[in-house]
Amino acid sequence: MSDTHKNGATVHEVKSVDLAKNTFDGHKADLYINTNQLGGKHFLVTVVGGDNRPKLIAIHL
């Protein structure tokens, strides 16, 4: 948890999803986690990886 906070993780609710292109608010996700919940929402998490580059993780909850 402290590594995520130290690396400056951000989370926001996604307004526009295009699953055919794997884009969320126009950004291509590095990882997409789908919980198969009906009527759920998508969130985009940005974290800095070990290589100091931002990684985008889209989550459907």
N, C-alpha and C. Protein backbone atom coordinates (compact mmCIF):
# COMPACT_ATOMS: atom_id res chain seq x y z
N MET A 1 0.82 -1.18 0.00
CA MET A 1 0.00 0.00 0.00
C MET A 1 0.86 1.25 0.00
N SER A 2 1.92 1.27 0.77
CA SER A 2 2.76 2.46 0.83
C SER A 2 3.48 2.70 -0.49
N ASP A 3 3.85 1.62 -1.22
CA ASP A 3 4.50 1.80 -2.51
C ASP A 3 3.56 2.48 -3.50
N THR A 4 2.29 2.07 -3.49
CA THR A 4 1.32 2.67 -4.39
C THR A 4 1.16 4.15 -4.09
N HIS A 5 1.05 4.47 -2.81
CA HIS A 5 0.89 5.87 -2.42
C HIS A 5 2.16 6.65 -2.77
N LYS A 6 3.32 6.09 -2.52
CA LYS A 6 4.58 6.76 -2.80
C LYS A 6 4.74 7.01 -4.30
N ASN A 7 4.27 6.09 -5.11
CA ASN A 7 4.41 6.23 -6.56
C ASN A 7 3.32 7.11 -7.17
N GLY A 8 2.41 7.61 -6.36
CA GLY A 8 1.41 8.55 -6.85
C GLY A 8 0.31 7.92 -7.67
N ALA A 9 -0.30 6.85 -7.20
CA ALA A 9 -1.40 6.21 -7.92
C ALA A 9 -2.60 7.15 -7.94
N THR A 10 -3.31 7.15 -9.05
CA THR A 10 -4.54 7.92 -9.17
C THR A 10 -5.64 7.01 -9.68
N VAL A 11 -6.87 7.32 -9.30
CA VAL A 11 -8.04 6.55 -9.73
C VAL A 11 -9.11 7.53 -10.17
N HIS A 12 -9.75 7.23 -11.31
CA HIS A 12 -10.92 8.03 -11.69
C HIS A 12 -11.95 7.14 -12.38
N GLU A 13 -13.20 7.54 -12.27
CA GLU A 13 -14.29 6.80 -12.91
C GLU A 13 -14.27 7.10 -14.40
N VAL A 14 -14.39 6.06 -15.19
CA VAL A 14 -14.33 6.16 -16.65
C VAL A 14 -15.71 6.57 -17.18
N LYS A 15 -15.73 7.52 -18.08
CA LYS A 15 -16.98 8.00 -18.68
C LYS A 15 -17.24 7.34 -20.04
N SER A 16 -16.17 7.03 -20.80
CA SER A 16 -16.29 6.49 -22.15
C SER A 16 -15.46 5.22 -22.28
N VAL A 17 -16.12 4.11 -22.67
CA VAL A 17 -15.44 2.82 -22.79
C VAL A 17 -15.62 2.29 -24.21
N ASP A 18 -14.52 1.82 -24.81
CA ASP A 18 -14.57 1.14 -26.10
C ASP A 18 -13.80 -0.17 -25.93
N LEU A 19 -14.53 -1.25 -25.57
CA LEU A 19 -13.88 -2.51 -25.28
C LEU A 19 -13.27 -3.15 -26.53
N ALA A 20 -13.80 -2.84 -27.71
CA ALA A 20 -13.23 -3.38 -28.94
C ALA A 20 -11.80 -2.88 -29.15
N LYS A 21 -11.52 -1.65 -28.72
CA LYS A 21 -10.18 -1.06 -28.86
C LYS A 21 -9.41 -1.06 -27.55
N ASN A 22 -10.03 -1.57 -26.47
CA ASN A 22 -9.41 -1.60 -25.15
C ASN A 22 -9.03 -0.19 -24.69
N THR A 23 -9.94 0.78 -24.94
CA THR A 23 -9.68 2.15 -24.53
C THR A 23 -10.72 2.60 -23.50
N PHE A 24 -10.26 3.40 -22.58
CA PHE A 24 -11.06 3.91 -21.48
C PHE A 24 -10.78 5.40 -21.39
N ASP A 25 -11.81 6.20 -21.67
CA ASP A 25 -11.64 7.66 -21.78
C ASP A 25 -10.53 8.01 -22.77
N GLY A 26 -10.44 7.22 -23.83
CA GLY A 26 -9.46 7.48 -24.89
C GLY A 26 -8.06 6.97 -24.61
N HIS A 27 -7.83 6.34 -23.45
CA HIS A 27 -6.51 5.82 -23.09
C HIS A 27 -6.50 4.30 -23.20
N LYS A 28 -5.47 3.76 -23.80
CA LYS A 28 -5.33 2.32 -23.92
C LYS A 28 -4.81 1.74 -22.61
N ALA A 29 -5.54 0.77 -22.07
CA ALA A 29 -5.17 0.16 -20.80
C ALA A 29 -4.08 -0.90 -21.00
N ASP A 30 -3.16 -0.96 -20.05
CA ASP A 30 -2.15 -2.02 -20.05
C ASP A 30 -2.74 -3.32 -19.52
N LEU A 31 -3.75 -3.21 -18.66
CA LEU A 31 -4.41 -4.36 -18.06
C LEU A 31 -5.87 -4.03 -17.84
N TYR A 32 -6.76 -4.98 -18.18
CA TYR A 32 -8.19 -4.79 -17.96
C TYR A 32 -8.69 -5.92 -17.07
N ILE A 33 -9.30 -5.57 -15.95
CA ILE A 33 -9.85 -6.54 -15.02
C ILE A 33 -11.37 -6.40 -15.06
N ASN A 34 -12.06 -7.47 -15.48
CA ASN A 34 -13.51 -7.44 -15.61
C ASN A 34 -14.11 -8.41 -14.60
N THR A 35 -14.94 -7.90 -13.71
CA THR A 35 -15.57 -8.74 -12.68
C THR A 35 -16.90 -9.31 -13.15
N ASN A 36 -17.33 -8.98 -14.36
CA ASN A 36 -18.60 -9.46 -14.93
C ASN A 36 -19.81 -9.08 -14.08
N GLN A 37 -19.74 -7.98 -13.38
CA GLN A 37 -20.87 -7.47 -12.60
C GLN A 37 -21.81 -6.72 -13.54
N LEU A 38 -23.08 -7.05 -13.49
CA LEU A 38 -24.05 -6.34 -14.31
C LEU A 38 -24.27 -4.94 -13.75
N GLY A 39 -24.25 -3.94 -14.61
CA GLY A 39 -24.50 -2.58 -14.18
C GLY A 39 -23.36 -1.95 -13.41
N GLY A 40 -22.19 -2.53 -13.47
CA GLY A 40 -21.05 -1.99 -12.73
C GLY A 40 -20.47 -0.75 -13.39
N LYS A 41 -19.44 -0.23 -12.79
CA LYS A 41 -18.76 0.95 -13.31
C LYS A 41 -17.31 0.61 -13.63
N HIS A 42 -16.73 1.39 -14.54
CA HIS A 42 -15.32 1.23 -14.89
C HIS A 42 -14.50 2.31 -14.19
N PHE A 43 -13.32 1.92 -13.73
CA PHE A 43 -12.38 2.85 -13.12
C PHE A 43 -11.03 2.67 -13.78
N LEU A 44 -10.29 3.75 -13.93
CA LEU A 44 -8.96 3.72 -14.50
C LEU A 44 -7.97 4.09 -13.41
N VAL A 45 -7.03 3.18 -13.16
CA VAL A 45 -6.01 3.38 -12.14
C VAL A 45 -4.69 3.61 -12.85
N THR A 46 -4.00 4.67 -12.50
CA THR A 46 -2.69 4.96 -13.06
C THR A 46 -1.66 4.78 -11.96
N VAL A 47 -0.69 3.91 -12.21
CA VAL A 47 0.39 3.68 -11.24
C VAL A 47 1.72 3.74 -11.98
N VAL A 48 2.76 4.06 -11.25
CA VAL A 48 4.10 4.09 -11.82
C VAL A 48 4.74 2.73 -11.56
N GLY A 49 5.18 2.08 -12.62
CA GLY A 49 5.78 0.76 -12.50
C GLY A 49 7.23 0.83 -12.05
N GLY A 50 7.84 -0.34 -11.91
CA GLY A 50 9.23 -0.43 -11.48
C GLY A 50 10.19 0.24 -12.44
N ASP A 51 9.76 0.42 -13.70
CA ASP A 51 10.60 1.08 -14.68
C ASP A 51 10.35 2.58 -14.74
N ASN A 52 9.60 3.11 -13.75
CA ASN A 52 9.26 4.53 -13.64
C ASN A 52 8.39 5.04 -14.79
N ARG A 53 7.66 4.13 -15.44
CA ARG A 53 6.73 4.52 -16.50
C ARG A 53 5.31 4.28 -15.99
N PRO A 54 4.37 5.16 -16.34
CA PRO A 54 2.99 4.97 -15.87
C PRO A 54 2.35 3.75 -16.53
N LYS A 55 1.59 3.01 -15.75
CA LYS A 55 0.82 1.87 -16.23
C LYS A 55 -0.65 2.17 -15.98
N LEU A 56 -1.51 1.83 -16.94
CA LEU A 56 -2.94 2.06 -16.82
C LEU A 56 -3.66 0.73 -16.60
N ILE A 57 -4.42 0.66 -15.53
CA ILE A 57 -5.18 -0.54 -15.20
C ILE A 57 -6.66 -0.15 -15.17
N ALA A 58 -7.44 -0.75 -16.05
CA ALA A 58 -8.87 -0.51 -16.07
C ALA A 58 -9.55 -1.63 -15.29
N ILE A 59 -10.48 -1.25 -14.41
CA ILE A 59 -11.18 -2.21 -13.56
C ILE A 59 -12.68 -2.00 -13.69
N HIS A 60 -13.41 -3.08 -13.93
CA HIS A 60 -14.87 -3.02 -13.95
C HIS A 60 -15.37 -3.60 -12.66
N LEU A 61 -16.03 -2.78 -11.84
CA LEU A 61 -16.56 -3.22 -10.55
C LEU A 61 -18.05 -3.07 -10.50
